[in-house]
Amino acid sequence: MAADAEAAGRRKSDRTRQAVLDAARVAFARKGFSGVTIRDITDLAGVTRANFYYYFRDKTALFIELGTTTYREAMRVIETLGDGDDARSRDAVAEWVERYFDYLDRNGAFVIRSEHDMPPDPDFRAAVARSHRRAATALGQRVAKIAATPVQADAAATGIAVMALLERSWAMVQQDSVSAVPRPVVREAVTELMWRMVQ
């Protein structure tokens, strides 16, 4: 009985913590780091300030955790590019683009907004820049690995270019900037460009 009660309490605690993280991701995506208050997050999460401070020291600690989680998820997606025997097939590229768009569905607004508005601490900003470079380099290396002809460009630069294609395309569809072009058509165009890149 005591073990069941403890497990139920832990599950509730996990749900509360996750509610704070999910609310913060939405709040940061809407208002940026500097525009968000603790109250914005607690109101969205439906929790008290005490709940917030039980899990997070301050807004910066929460932002760091979201950034770390997002970076790890991006790396997991990046590391799947080129998996399998048919890595250069159009279908394999299409599946990977879909995975990247799914990742952006969960994190894209936070990623795009937070790149322009993050805590002002220079050490923090340097750490973010290193993370972005590592992700871009990993993506550029994966592209080079599956390309039929050698890629001459720097791996980080290649990764940045591919990320820009993916993230900007996703963002424009999300913002309805290109409302005449439905998401599946944009995703198909991104797939075509990436597929041609590795042929």
N, C-alpha and C. Protein backbone atom coordinates (compact mmCIF):
# COMPACT_ATOMS: atom_id res chain seq x y z
N MET A 1 0.81 -1.20 0.00
CA MET A 1 0.00 0.00 0.00
C MET A 1 0.85 1.26 0.00
N ALA A 2 1.85 1.31 0.88
CA ALA A 2 2.71 2.49 0.98
C ALA A 2 3.46 2.71 -0.32
N ALA A 3 3.89 1.64 -0.97
CA ALA A 3 4.62 1.75 -2.24
C ALA A 3 3.71 2.31 -3.32
N ASP A 4 2.44 1.89 -3.33
CA ASP A 4 1.48 2.40 -4.32
C ASP A 4 1.23 3.89 -4.12
N ALA A 5 1.09 4.31 -2.88
CA ALA A 5 0.86 5.73 -2.57
C ALA A 5 2.08 6.56 -2.97
N GLU A 6 3.26 6.01 -2.70
CA GLU A 6 4.49 6.71 -3.08
C GLU A 6 4.60 6.84 -4.60
N ALA A 7 4.28 5.77 -5.31
CA ALA A 7 4.32 5.80 -6.78
C ALA A 7 3.30 6.79 -7.33
N ALA A 8 2.11 6.82 -6.75
CA ALA A 8 1.07 7.76 -7.20
C ALA A 8 1.52 9.19 -6.95
N GLY A 9 2.13 9.44 -5.79
CA GLY A 9 2.64 10.78 -5.48
C GLY A 9 3.74 11.19 -6.44
N ARG A 10 4.61 10.23 -6.78
CA ARG A 10 5.69 10.52 -7.72
C ARG A 10 5.12 10.83 -9.12
N ARG A 11 4.11 10.07 -9.54
CA ARG A 11 3.49 10.33 -10.85
C ARG A 11 2.86 11.72 -10.87
N LYS A 12 2.18 12.10 -9.78
CA LYS A 12 1.57 13.42 -9.72
C LYS A 12 2.66 14.49 -9.76
N SER A 13 3.74 14.25 -9.03
CA SER A 13 4.86 15.18 -9.02
C SER A 13 5.46 15.32 -10.42
N ASP A 14 5.62 14.19 -11.10
CA ASP A 14 6.14 14.21 -12.48
C ASP A 14 5.21 14.98 -13.41
N ARG A 15 3.91 14.78 -13.23
CA ARG A 15 2.93 15.49 -14.07
C ARG A 15 2.98 16.99 -13.83
N THR A 16 3.11 17.38 -12.56
CA THR A 16 3.18 18.80 -12.23
C THR A 16 4.43 19.43 -12.85
N ARG A 17 5.55 18.77 -12.69
CA ARG A 17 6.81 19.27 -13.26
C ARG A 17 6.69 19.39 -14.78
N GLN A 18 6.12 18.38 -15.41
CA GLN A 18 5.96 18.39 -16.86
C GLN A 18 5.00 19.50 -17.30
N ALA A 19 3.96 19.73 -16.50
CA ALA A 19 3.02 20.82 -16.81
C ALA A 19 3.74 22.17 -16.80
N VAL A 20 4.65 22.36 -15.84
CA VAL A 20 5.43 23.61 -15.79
C VAL A 20 6.32 23.72 -17.02
N LEU A 21 7.00 22.63 -17.39
CA LEU A 21 7.87 22.65 -18.57
C LEU A 21 7.07 22.94 -19.84
N ASP A 22 5.94 22.28 -20.00
CA ASP A 22 5.11 22.49 -21.20
C ASP A 22 4.59 23.91 -21.27
N ALA A 23 4.14 24.43 -20.14
CA ALA A 23 3.64 25.81 -20.11
C ALA A 23 4.75 26.80 -20.41
N ALA A 24 5.93 26.55 -19.87
CA ALA A 24 7.06 27.44 -20.11
C ALA A 24 7.45 27.45 -21.58
N ARG A 25 7.44 26.28 -22.22
CA ARG A 25 7.78 26.21 -23.65
C ARG A 25 6.81 27.09 -24.45
N VAL A 26 5.54 27.02 -24.13
CA VAL A 26 4.53 27.84 -24.81
C VAL A 26 4.75 29.33 -24.50
N ALA A 27 4.96 29.64 -23.24
CA ALA A 27 5.12 31.04 -22.83
C ALA A 27 6.36 31.66 -23.47
N PHE A 28 7.49 30.95 -23.44
CA PHE A 28 8.72 31.47 -24.05
C PHE A 28 8.56 31.63 -25.56
N ALA A 29 7.85 30.70 -26.18
CA ALA A 29 7.62 30.79 -27.63
C ALA A 29 6.77 32.02 -27.97
N ARG A 30 5.83 32.35 -27.09
CA ARG A 30 4.94 33.49 -27.35
C ARG A 30 5.62 34.83 -27.07
N LYS A 31 6.30 34.92 -25.93
CA LYS A 31 6.78 36.21 -25.46
C LYS A 31 8.29 36.36 -25.39
N GLY A 32 9.02 35.28 -25.62
CA GLY A 32 10.47 35.34 -25.45
C GLY A 32 10.83 35.29 -23.98
N PHE A 33 12.11 35.11 -23.70
CA PHE A 33 12.57 34.97 -22.32
C PHE A 33 12.26 36.21 -21.50
N SER A 34 12.61 37.37 -22.04
CA SER A 34 12.47 38.60 -21.25
C SER A 34 11.02 39.00 -21.03
N GLY A 35 10.11 38.57 -21.88
CA GLY A 35 8.71 38.95 -21.74
C GLY A 35 7.89 38.06 -20.82
N VAL A 36 8.44 36.92 -20.44
CA VAL A 36 7.69 35.95 -19.64
C VAL A 36 7.93 36.17 -18.16
N THR A 37 6.85 36.08 -17.39
CA THR A 37 6.95 36.14 -15.93
C THR A 37 6.67 34.74 -15.37
N ILE A 38 7.05 34.55 -14.13
CA ILE A 38 6.74 33.29 -13.45
C ILE A 38 5.22 33.10 -13.42
N ARG A 39 4.52 34.18 -13.22
CA ARG A 39 3.05 34.09 -13.19
C ARG A 39 2.49 33.61 -14.53
N ASP A 40 3.06 34.09 -15.65
CA ASP A 40 2.62 33.60 -16.96
C ASP A 40 2.70 32.08 -17.01
N ILE A 41 3.82 31.56 -16.53
CA ILE A 41 4.06 30.12 -16.58
C ILE A 41 3.11 29.38 -15.64
N THR A 42 2.98 29.86 -14.41
CA THR A 42 2.12 29.15 -13.45
C THR A 42 0.65 29.22 -13.87
N ASP A 43 0.23 30.35 -14.44
CA ASP A 43 -1.15 30.44 -14.92
C ASP A 43 -1.41 29.44 -16.05
N LEU A 44 -0.47 29.36 -17.00
CA LEU A 44 -0.62 28.41 -18.11
C LEU A 44 -0.60 26.96 -17.61
N ALA A 45 0.25 26.69 -16.64
CA ALA A 45 0.40 25.32 -16.12
C ALA A 45 -0.71 24.94 -15.15
N GLY A 46 -1.39 25.94 -14.60
CA GLY A 46 -2.42 25.66 -13.61
C GLY A 46 -1.83 25.20 -12.28
N VAL A 47 -0.69 25.79 -11.92
CA VAL A 47 -0.02 25.43 -10.66
C VAL A 47 0.26 26.70 -9.87
N THR A 48 0.65 26.52 -8.63
CA THR A 48 0.97 27.66 -7.77
C THR A 48 2.43 28.06 -7.96
N ARG A 49 2.77 29.24 -7.47
CA ARG A 49 4.18 29.68 -7.48
C ARG A 49 5.03 28.73 -6.65
N ALA A 50 4.45 28.23 -5.57
CA ALA A 50 5.19 27.28 -4.73
C ALA A 50 5.55 26.03 -5.53
N ASN A 51 4.59 25.55 -6.36
CA ASN A 51 4.90 24.40 -7.22
C ASN A 51 6.06 24.73 -8.16
N PHE A 52 6.01 25.92 -8.73
CA PHE A 52 7.09 26.32 -9.65
C PHE A 52 8.43 26.26 -8.94
N TYR A 53 8.52 26.92 -7.79
CA TYR A 53 9.79 27.03 -7.08
C TYR A 53 10.23 25.71 -6.45
N TYR A 54 9.32 24.77 -6.31
CA TYR A 54 9.70 23.44 -5.84
C TYR A 54 10.59 22.75 -6.88
N TYR A 55 10.31 23.01 -8.16
CA TYR A 55 11.04 22.34 -9.23
C TYR A 55 12.17 23.18 -9.84
N PHE A 56 12.01 24.49 -9.84
CA PHE A 56 12.96 25.36 -10.54
C PHE A 56 13.35 26.55 -9.67
N ARG A 57 14.63 26.83 -9.64
CA ARG A 57 15.16 27.94 -8.84
C ARG A 57 14.62 29.28 -9.34
N ASP A 58 14.58 29.42 -10.68
CA ASP A 58 14.12 30.67 -11.28
C ASP A 58 13.81 30.42 -12.75
N LYS A 59 13.44 31.47 -13.43
CA LYS A 59 13.07 31.39 -14.84
C LYS A 59 14.25 30.95 -15.70
N THR A 60 15.44 31.38 -15.35
CA THR A 60 16.64 31.01 -16.12
C THR A 60 16.90 29.51 -16.02
N ALA A 61 16.77 28.94 -14.84
CA ALA A 61 16.98 27.50 -14.67
C ALA A 61 15.99 26.71 -15.51
N LEU A 62 14.76 27.17 -15.55
CA LEU A 62 13.73 26.52 -16.36
C LEU A 62 14.08 26.64 -17.84
N PHE A 63 14.50 27.81 -18.27
CA PHE A 63 14.87 28.04 -19.66
C PHE A 63 16.03 27.13 -20.06
N ILE A 64 17.00 26.99 -19.17
CA ILE A 64 18.15 26.13 -19.43
C ILE A 64 17.71 24.68 -19.59
N GLU A 65 16.82 24.24 -18.73
CA GLU A 65 16.35 22.85 -18.84
C GLU A 65 15.61 22.63 -20.15
N LEU A 66 14.75 23.57 -20.53
CA LEU A 66 14.04 23.44 -21.81
C LEU A 66 15.03 23.42 -22.97
N GLY A 67 16.02 24.29 -22.92
CA GLY A 67 17.02 24.33 -23.98
C GLY A 67 17.81 23.05 -24.07
N THR A 68 18.18 22.49 -22.93
CA THR A 68 18.95 21.24 -22.90
C THR A 68 18.12 20.09 -23.46
N THR A 69 16.87 20.01 -23.04
CA THR A 69 15.97 18.96 -23.53
C THR A 69 15.76 19.09 -25.03
N THR A 70 15.56 20.31 -25.49
CA THR A 70 15.34 20.56 -26.91
C THR A 70 16.57 20.19 -27.72
N TYR A 71 17.76 20.56 -27.23
CA TYR A 71 19.00 20.22 -27.91
C TYR A 71 19.16 18.70 -28.02
N ARG A 72 18.90 17.99 -26.94
CA ARG A 72 19.02 16.53 -26.97
C ARG A 72 18.04 15.91 -27.96
N GLU A 73 16.82 16.42 -28.00
CA GLU A 73 15.84 15.89 -28.95
C GLU A 73 16.28 16.17 -30.38
N ALA A 74 16.79 17.37 -30.63
CA ALA A 74 17.29 17.70 -31.98
C ALA A 74 18.41 16.74 -32.37
N MET A 75 19.33 16.47 -31.45
CA MET A 75 20.44 15.56 -31.75
C MET A 75 19.94 14.15 -32.04
N ARG A 76 18.92 13.71 -31.31
CA ARG A 76 18.36 12.37 -31.59
C ARG A 76 17.80 12.30 -33.01
N VAL A 77 17.12 13.36 -33.43
CA VAL A 77 16.57 13.38 -34.79
C VAL A 77 17.70 13.45 -35.81
N ILE A 78 18.66 14.32 -35.59
CA ILE A 78 19.79 14.48 -36.51
C ILE A 78 20.52 13.15 -36.69
N GLU A 79 20.71 12.43 -35.61
CA GLU A 79 21.47 11.18 -35.67
C GLU A 79 20.74 10.07 -36.41
N THR A 80 19.47 10.27 -36.74
CA THR A 80 18.75 9.26 -37.53
C THR A 80 18.89 9.49 -39.03
N LEU A 81 19.40 10.65 -39.45
CA LEU A 81 19.59 10.89 -40.88
C LEU A 81 20.66 9.94 -41.39
N GLY A 82 20.30 9.17 -42.38
CA GLY A 82 21.27 8.24 -42.96
C GLY A 82 21.24 6.86 -42.35
N ASP A 83 20.36 6.62 -41.41
CA ASP A 83 20.25 5.27 -40.85
C ASP A 83 19.60 4.35 -41.88
N GLY A 84 20.02 3.14 -41.90
CA GLY A 84 19.40 2.15 -42.79
C GLY A 84 20.18 1.99 -44.09
N ASP A 85 19.86 0.92 -44.76
CA ASP A 85 20.56 0.57 -46.01
C ASP A 85 20.20 1.49 -47.17
N ASP A 86 19.00 2.02 -47.15
CA ASP A 86 18.52 2.86 -48.25
C ASP A 86 18.53 4.34 -47.87
N ALA A 87 19.57 4.78 -47.16
CA ALA A 87 19.63 6.13 -46.58
C ALA A 87 19.44 7.24 -47.60
N ARG A 88 19.87 7.00 -48.85
CA ARG A 88 19.75 8.04 -49.87
C ARG A 88 18.44 7.96 -50.65
N SER A 89 17.61 7.00 -50.34
CA SER A 89 16.36 6.89 -51.09
C SER A 89 15.46 8.08 -50.76
N ARG A 90 14.62 8.39 -51.70
CA ARG A 90 13.69 9.51 -51.50
C ARG A 90 12.77 9.25 -50.31
N ASP A 91 12.34 7.99 -50.15
CA ASP A 91 11.46 7.65 -49.02
C ASP A 91 12.17 7.85 -47.68
N ALA A 92 13.44 7.45 -47.61
CA ALA A 92 14.20 7.62 -46.37
C ALA A 92 14.37 9.10 -46.04
N VAL A 93 14.66 9.90 -47.04
CA VAL A 93 14.80 11.34 -46.82
C VAL A 93 13.46 11.94 -46.39
N ALA A 94 12.38 11.51 -47.03
CA ALA A 94 11.04 12.01 -46.68
C ALA A 94 10.69 11.66 -45.23
N GLU A 95 11.01 10.43 -44.81
CA GLU A 95 10.74 10.03 -43.43
C GLU A 95 11.54 10.88 -42.45
N TRP A 96 12.80 11.19 -42.80
CA TRP A 96 13.62 12.00 -41.91
C TRP A 96 13.08 13.44 -41.83
N VAL A 97 12.70 14.00 -42.97
CA VAL A 97 12.13 15.36 -42.97
C VAL A 97 10.88 15.38 -42.10
N GLU A 98 10.06 14.36 -42.19
CA GLU A 98 8.86 14.29 -41.35
C GLU A 98 9.24 14.25 -39.88
N ARG A 99 10.27 13.49 -39.52
CA ARG A 99 10.74 13.45 -38.12
C ARG A 99 11.21 14.83 -37.67
N TYR A 100 11.92 15.52 -38.54
CA TYR A 100 12.41 16.85 -38.17
C TYR A 100 11.24 17.82 -38.00
N PHE A 101 10.26 17.75 -38.90
CA PHE A 101 9.07 18.61 -38.76
C PHE A 101 8.31 18.26 -37.47
N ASP A 102 8.24 16.98 -37.12
CA ASP A 102 7.58 16.60 -35.86
C ASP A 102 8.33 17.20 -34.67
N TYR A 103 9.67 17.14 -34.71
CA TYR A 103 10.48 17.76 -33.67
C TYR A 103 10.16 19.26 -33.60
N LEU A 104 10.07 19.91 -34.75
CA LEU A 104 9.75 21.34 -34.77
C LEU A 104 8.34 21.61 -34.27
N ASP A 105 7.40 20.71 -34.54
CA ASP A 105 6.05 20.88 -34.01
C ASP A 105 6.07 20.97 -32.48
N ARG A 106 6.94 20.20 -31.86
CA ARG A 106 7.03 20.21 -30.40
C ARG A 106 7.89 21.36 -29.88
N ASN A 107 8.92 21.75 -30.61
CA ASN A 107 9.92 22.66 -30.07
C ASN A 107 10.25 23.87 -30.93
N GLY A 108 9.77 23.91 -32.14
CA GLY A 108 10.22 24.92 -33.09
C GLY A 108 9.98 26.36 -32.68
N ALA A 109 8.80 26.64 -32.17
CA ALA A 109 8.51 28.02 -31.78
C ALA A 109 9.44 28.45 -30.64
N PHE A 110 9.70 27.55 -29.71
CA PHE A 110 10.63 27.85 -28.61
C PHE A 110 12.03 28.08 -29.16
N VAL A 111 12.48 27.20 -30.06
CA VAL A 111 13.83 27.30 -30.63
C VAL A 111 13.99 28.63 -31.36
N ILE A 112 13.08 28.93 -32.24
CA ILE A 112 13.20 30.14 -33.07
C ILE A 112 13.13 31.39 -32.21
N ARG A 113 12.19 31.45 -31.29
CA ARG A 113 12.04 32.64 -30.45
C ARG A 113 13.22 32.80 -29.49
N SER A 114 13.68 31.68 -28.92
CA SER A 114 14.73 31.77 -27.91
C SER A 114 16.08 32.13 -28.50
N GLU A 115 16.29 31.89 -29.78
CA GLU A 115 17.56 32.27 -30.39
C GLU A 115 17.74 33.78 -30.37
N HIS A 116 16.65 34.51 -30.33
CA HIS A 116 16.72 35.97 -30.37
C HIS A 116 16.52 36.62 -29.00
N ASP A 117 16.04 35.85 -28.04
CA ASP A 117 15.75 36.42 -26.73
C ASP A 117 16.03 35.36 -25.67
N MET A 118 17.24 35.40 -25.14
CA MET A 118 17.63 34.44 -24.11
C MET A 118 18.27 35.19 -22.96
N PRO A 119 18.52 34.51 -21.85
CA PRO A 119 19.16 35.20 -20.72
C PRO A 119 20.44 35.91 -21.17
N PRO A 120 20.70 37.09 -20.64
CA PRO A 120 21.83 37.90 -21.12
C PRO A 120 23.21 37.44 -20.67
N ASP A 121 23.29 36.48 -19.80
CA ASP A 121 24.57 36.02 -19.28
C ASP A 121 25.50 35.55 -20.41
N PRO A 122 26.72 36.13 -20.52
CA PRO A 122 27.63 35.78 -21.63
C PRO A 122 28.05 34.31 -21.63
N ASP A 123 28.23 33.72 -20.45
CA ASP A 123 28.58 32.30 -20.39
C ASP A 123 27.45 31.44 -20.92
N PHE A 124 26.22 31.80 -20.55
CA PHE A 124 25.06 31.07 -21.03
C PHE A 124 24.97 31.17 -22.56
N ARG A 125 25.13 32.37 -23.08
CA ARG A 125 25.06 32.57 -24.53
C ARG A 125 26.16 31.81 -25.26
N ALA A 126 27.34 31.75 -24.68
CA ALA A 126 28.44 31.00 -25.28
C ALA A 126 28.12 29.50 -25.30
N ALA A 127 27.51 29.00 -24.23
CA ALA A 127 27.12 27.59 -24.18
C ALA A 127 26.07 27.27 -25.23
N VAL A 128 25.11 28.17 -25.41
CA VAL A 128 24.08 27.98 -26.44
C VAL A 128 24.72 27.97 -27.82
N ALA A 129 25.64 28.88 -28.07
CA ALA A 129 26.32 28.93 -29.37
C ALA A 129 27.08 27.63 -29.62
N ARG A 130 27.74 27.09 -28.60
CA ARG A 130 28.45 25.81 -28.75
C ARG A 130 27.47 24.69 -29.07
N SER A 131 26.33 24.67 -28.41
CA SER A 131 25.32 23.64 -28.67
C SER A 131 24.80 23.73 -30.10
N HIS A 132 24.53 24.94 -30.55
CA HIS A 132 24.04 25.13 -31.92
C HIS A 132 25.10 24.66 -32.92
N ARG A 133 26.35 24.99 -32.66
CA ARG A 133 27.42 24.58 -33.57
C ARG A 133 27.56 23.06 -33.59
N ARG A 134 27.48 22.42 -32.42
CA ARG A 134 27.57 20.95 -32.37
C ARG A 134 26.44 20.31 -33.17
N ALA A 135 25.23 20.83 -33.00
CA ALA A 135 24.09 20.27 -33.74
C ALA A 135 24.26 20.49 -35.24
N ALA A 136 24.68 21.69 -35.62
CA ALA A 136 24.88 21.97 -37.04
C ALA A 136 25.99 21.10 -37.63
N THR A 137 27.07 20.93 -36.90
CA THR A 137 28.17 20.10 -37.36
C THR A 137 27.72 18.65 -37.52
N ALA A 138 26.98 18.15 -36.54
CA ALA A 138 26.49 16.77 -36.61
C ALA A 138 25.59 16.59 -37.83
N LEU A 139 24.72 17.56 -38.09
CA LEU A 139 23.84 17.47 -39.24
C LEU A 139 24.64 17.52 -40.54
N GLY A 140 25.60 18.43 -40.63
CA GLY A 140 26.44 18.51 -41.82
C GLY A 140 27.22 17.23 -42.06
N GLN A 141 27.70 16.60 -40.99
CA GLN A 141 28.41 15.33 -41.12
C GLN A 141 27.49 14.22 -41.61
N ARG A 142 26.26 14.21 -41.13
CA ARG A 142 25.30 13.19 -41.58
C ARG A 142 24.97 13.37 -43.05
N VAL A 143 24.80 14.62 -43.47
CA VAL A 143 24.54 14.89 -44.89
C VAL A 143 25.73 14.40 -45.72
N ALA A 144 26.94 14.72 -45.30
CA ALA A 144 28.14 14.30 -46.03
C ALA A 144 28.25 12.78 -46.07
N LYS A 145 27.85 12.13 -45.00
CA LYS A 145 27.94 10.67 -44.93
C LYS A 145 27.07 9.99 -45.98
N ILE A 146 25.89 10.55 -46.25
CA ILE A 146 24.99 9.88 -47.19
C ILE A 146 25.07 10.45 -48.61
N ALA A 147 25.79 11.55 -48.78
CA ALA A 147 25.87 12.16 -50.11
C ALA A 147 26.62 11.25 -51.08
N ALA A 148 26.11 11.15 -52.29
CA ALA A 148 26.75 10.30 -53.30
C ALA A 148 28.09 10.88 -53.75
N THR A 149 28.20 12.19 -53.77
CA THR A 149 29.47 12.84 -54.12
C THR A 149 29.98 13.58 -52.89
N PRO A 150 31.28 13.69 -52.73
CA PRO A 150 31.83 14.35 -51.53
C PRO A 150 31.31 15.78 -51.36
N VAL A 151 30.98 16.12 -50.14
CA VAL A 151 30.54 17.47 -49.81
C VAL A 151 31.79 18.28 -49.49
N GLN A 152 31.99 19.37 -50.22
CA GLN A 152 33.18 20.18 -50.04
C GLN A 152 33.03 21.24 -48.95
N ALA A 153 31.81 21.59 -48.63
CA ALA A 153 31.56 22.66 -47.66
C ALA A 153 31.86 22.18 -46.24
N ASP A 154 32.17 23.12 -45.37
CA ASP A 154 32.37 22.87 -43.95
C ASP A 154 31.12 22.20 -43.37
N ALA A 155 31.32 21.22 -42.49
CA ALA A 155 30.20 20.48 -41.92
C ALA A 155 29.24 21.38 -41.16
N ALA A 156 29.77 22.30 -40.34
CA ALA A 156 28.89 23.20 -39.59
C ALA A 156 28.09 24.10 -40.52
N ALA A 157 28.75 24.61 -41.56
CA ALA A 157 28.06 25.48 -42.52
C ALA A 157 26.98 24.70 -43.27
N THR A 158 27.27 23.46 -43.64
CA THR A 158 26.27 22.63 -44.31
C THR A 158 25.08 22.40 -43.38
N GLY A 159 25.36 22.07 -42.13
CA GLY A 159 24.28 21.85 -41.18
C GLY A 159 23.43 23.09 -40.95
N ILE A 160 24.07 24.24 -40.87
CA ILE A 160 23.33 25.50 -40.70
C ILE A 160 22.41 25.74 -41.89
N ALA A 161 22.91 25.49 -43.09
CA ALA A 161 22.10 25.70 -44.30
C ALA A 161 20.90 24.76 -44.32
N VAL A 162 21.10 23.50 -43.95
CA VAL A 162 20.00 22.53 -43.94
C VAL A 162 19.00 22.89 -42.85
N MET A 163 19.50 23.26 -41.66
CA MET A 163 18.59 23.67 -40.58
C MET A 163 17.77 24.89 -40.99
N ALA A 164 18.42 25.82 -41.66
CA ALA A 164 17.70 27.03 -42.09
C ALA A 164 16.57 26.65 -43.06
N LEU A 165 16.86 25.75 -43.98
CA LEU A 165 15.83 25.29 -44.91
C LEU A 165 14.66 24.67 -44.16
N LEU A 166 14.97 23.76 -43.26
CA LEU A 166 13.92 23.07 -42.51
C LEU A 166 13.15 24.01 -41.59
N GLU A 167 13.87 24.76 -40.79
CA GLU A 167 13.22 25.58 -39.76
C GLU A 167 12.46 26.77 -40.34
N ARG A 168 13.02 27.39 -41.35
CA ARG A 168 12.31 28.53 -41.95
C ARG A 168 11.07 28.06 -42.71
N SER A 169 11.19 26.94 -43.40
CA SER A 169 10.02 26.40 -44.11
C SER A 169 8.92 26.07 -43.11
N TRP A 170 9.30 25.40 -42.03
CA TRP A 170 8.32 25.05 -41.00
C TRP A 170 7.69 26.31 -40.41
N ALA A 171 8.52 27.30 -40.08
CA ALA A 171 8.01 28.52 -39.44
C ALA A 171 7.04 29.27 -40.35
N MET A 172 7.36 29.34 -41.62
CA MET A 172 6.47 30.07 -42.54
C MET A 172 5.12 29.38 -42.66
N VAL A 173 5.11 28.06 -42.67
CA VAL A 173 3.84 27.33 -42.71
C VAL A 173 3.08 27.55 -41.40
N GLN A 174 3.78 27.47 -40.26
CA GLN A 174 3.13 27.66 -38.96
C GLN A 174 2.51 29.04 -38.84
N GLN A 175 3.21 30.05 -39.35
CA GLN A 175 2.72 31.42 -39.24
C GLN A 175 1.72 31.75 -40.33
N ASP A 176 1.45 30.77 -41.16
CA ASP A 176 0.51 30.95 -42.26
C ASP A 176 0.99 32.03 -43.22
N SER A 177 2.32 32.22 -43.28
CA SER A 177 2.90 33.22 -44.19
C SER A 177 2.73 32.83 -45.65
N VAL A 178 2.62 31.54 -45.86
CA VAL A 178 2.48 31.05 -47.24
C VAL A 178 1.20 30.22 -47.31
N SER A 179 0.10 30.82 -46.90
CA SER A 179 -1.16 30.09 -46.74
C SER A 179 -1.63 29.44 -48.03
N ALA A 180 -1.17 29.92 -49.16
CA ALA A 180 -1.57 29.30 -50.42
C ALA A 180 -0.85 27.97 -50.63
N VAL A 181 0.17 27.70 -49.82
CA VAL A 181 0.93 26.46 -49.96
C VAL A 181 0.75 25.62 -48.70
N PRO A 182 0.04 24.51 -48.80
CA PRO A 182 -0.21 23.68 -47.61
C PRO A 182 1.07 23.01 -47.09
N ARG A 183 1.04 22.70 -45.82
CA ARG A 183 2.19 22.08 -45.16
C ARG A 183 2.72 20.84 -45.90
N PRO A 184 1.87 19.90 -46.30
CA PRO A 184 2.41 18.71 -46.99
C PRO A 184 3.16 19.06 -48.28
N VAL A 185 2.73 20.10 -48.95
CA VAL A 185 3.41 20.51 -50.19
C VAL A 185 4.77 21.11 -49.86
N VAL A 186 4.84 21.91 -48.81
CA VAL A 186 6.12 22.48 -48.38
C VAL A 186 7.05 21.38 -47.92
N ARG A 187 6.53 20.45 -47.14
CA ARG A 187 7.35 19.33 -46.66
C ARG A 187 7.89 18.52 -47.85
N GLU A 188 7.07 18.33 -48.85
CA GLU A 188 7.49 17.61 -50.05
C GLU A 188 8.60 18.36 -50.78
N ALA A 189 8.49 19.67 -50.84
CA ALA A 189 9.53 20.48 -51.49
C ALA A 189 10.85 20.38 -50.73
N VAL A 190 10.78 20.42 -49.40
CA VAL A 190 11.99 20.28 -48.58
C VAL A 190 12.61 18.90 -48.82
N THR A 191 11.77 17.88 -48.86
CA THR A 191 12.26 16.52 -49.14
C THR A 191 12.97 16.48 -50.49
N GLU A 192 12.36 17.06 -51.51
CA GLU A 192 12.95 17.05 -52.85
C GLU A 192 14.32 17.72 -52.85
N LEU A 193 14.42 18.87 -52.20
CA LEU A 193 15.70 19.58 -52.16
C LEU A 193 16.77 18.78 -51.42
N MET A 194 16.39 18.20 -50.29
CA MET A 194 17.37 17.41 -49.53
C MET A 194 17.75 16.15 -50.29
N TRP A 195 16.80 15.52 -50.92
CA TRP A 195 17.08 14.29 -51.69
C TRP A 195 18.05 14.59 -52.83
N ARG A 196 17.81 15.68 -53.53
CA ARG A 196 18.73 16.06 -54.62
C ARG A 196 20.12 16.40 -54.08
N MET A 197 20.18 16.92 -52.89
CA MET A 197 21.46 17.29 -52.29
C MET A 197 22.35 16.06 -52.07
N VAL A 198 21.74 14.93 -51.74
CA VAL A 198 22.53 13.74 -51.43
C VAL A 198 22.69 12.79 -52.62
N GLN A 199 22.14 13.13 -53.76
CA GLN A 199 22.28 12.26 -54.94
C GLN A 199 23.58 12.51 -55.65
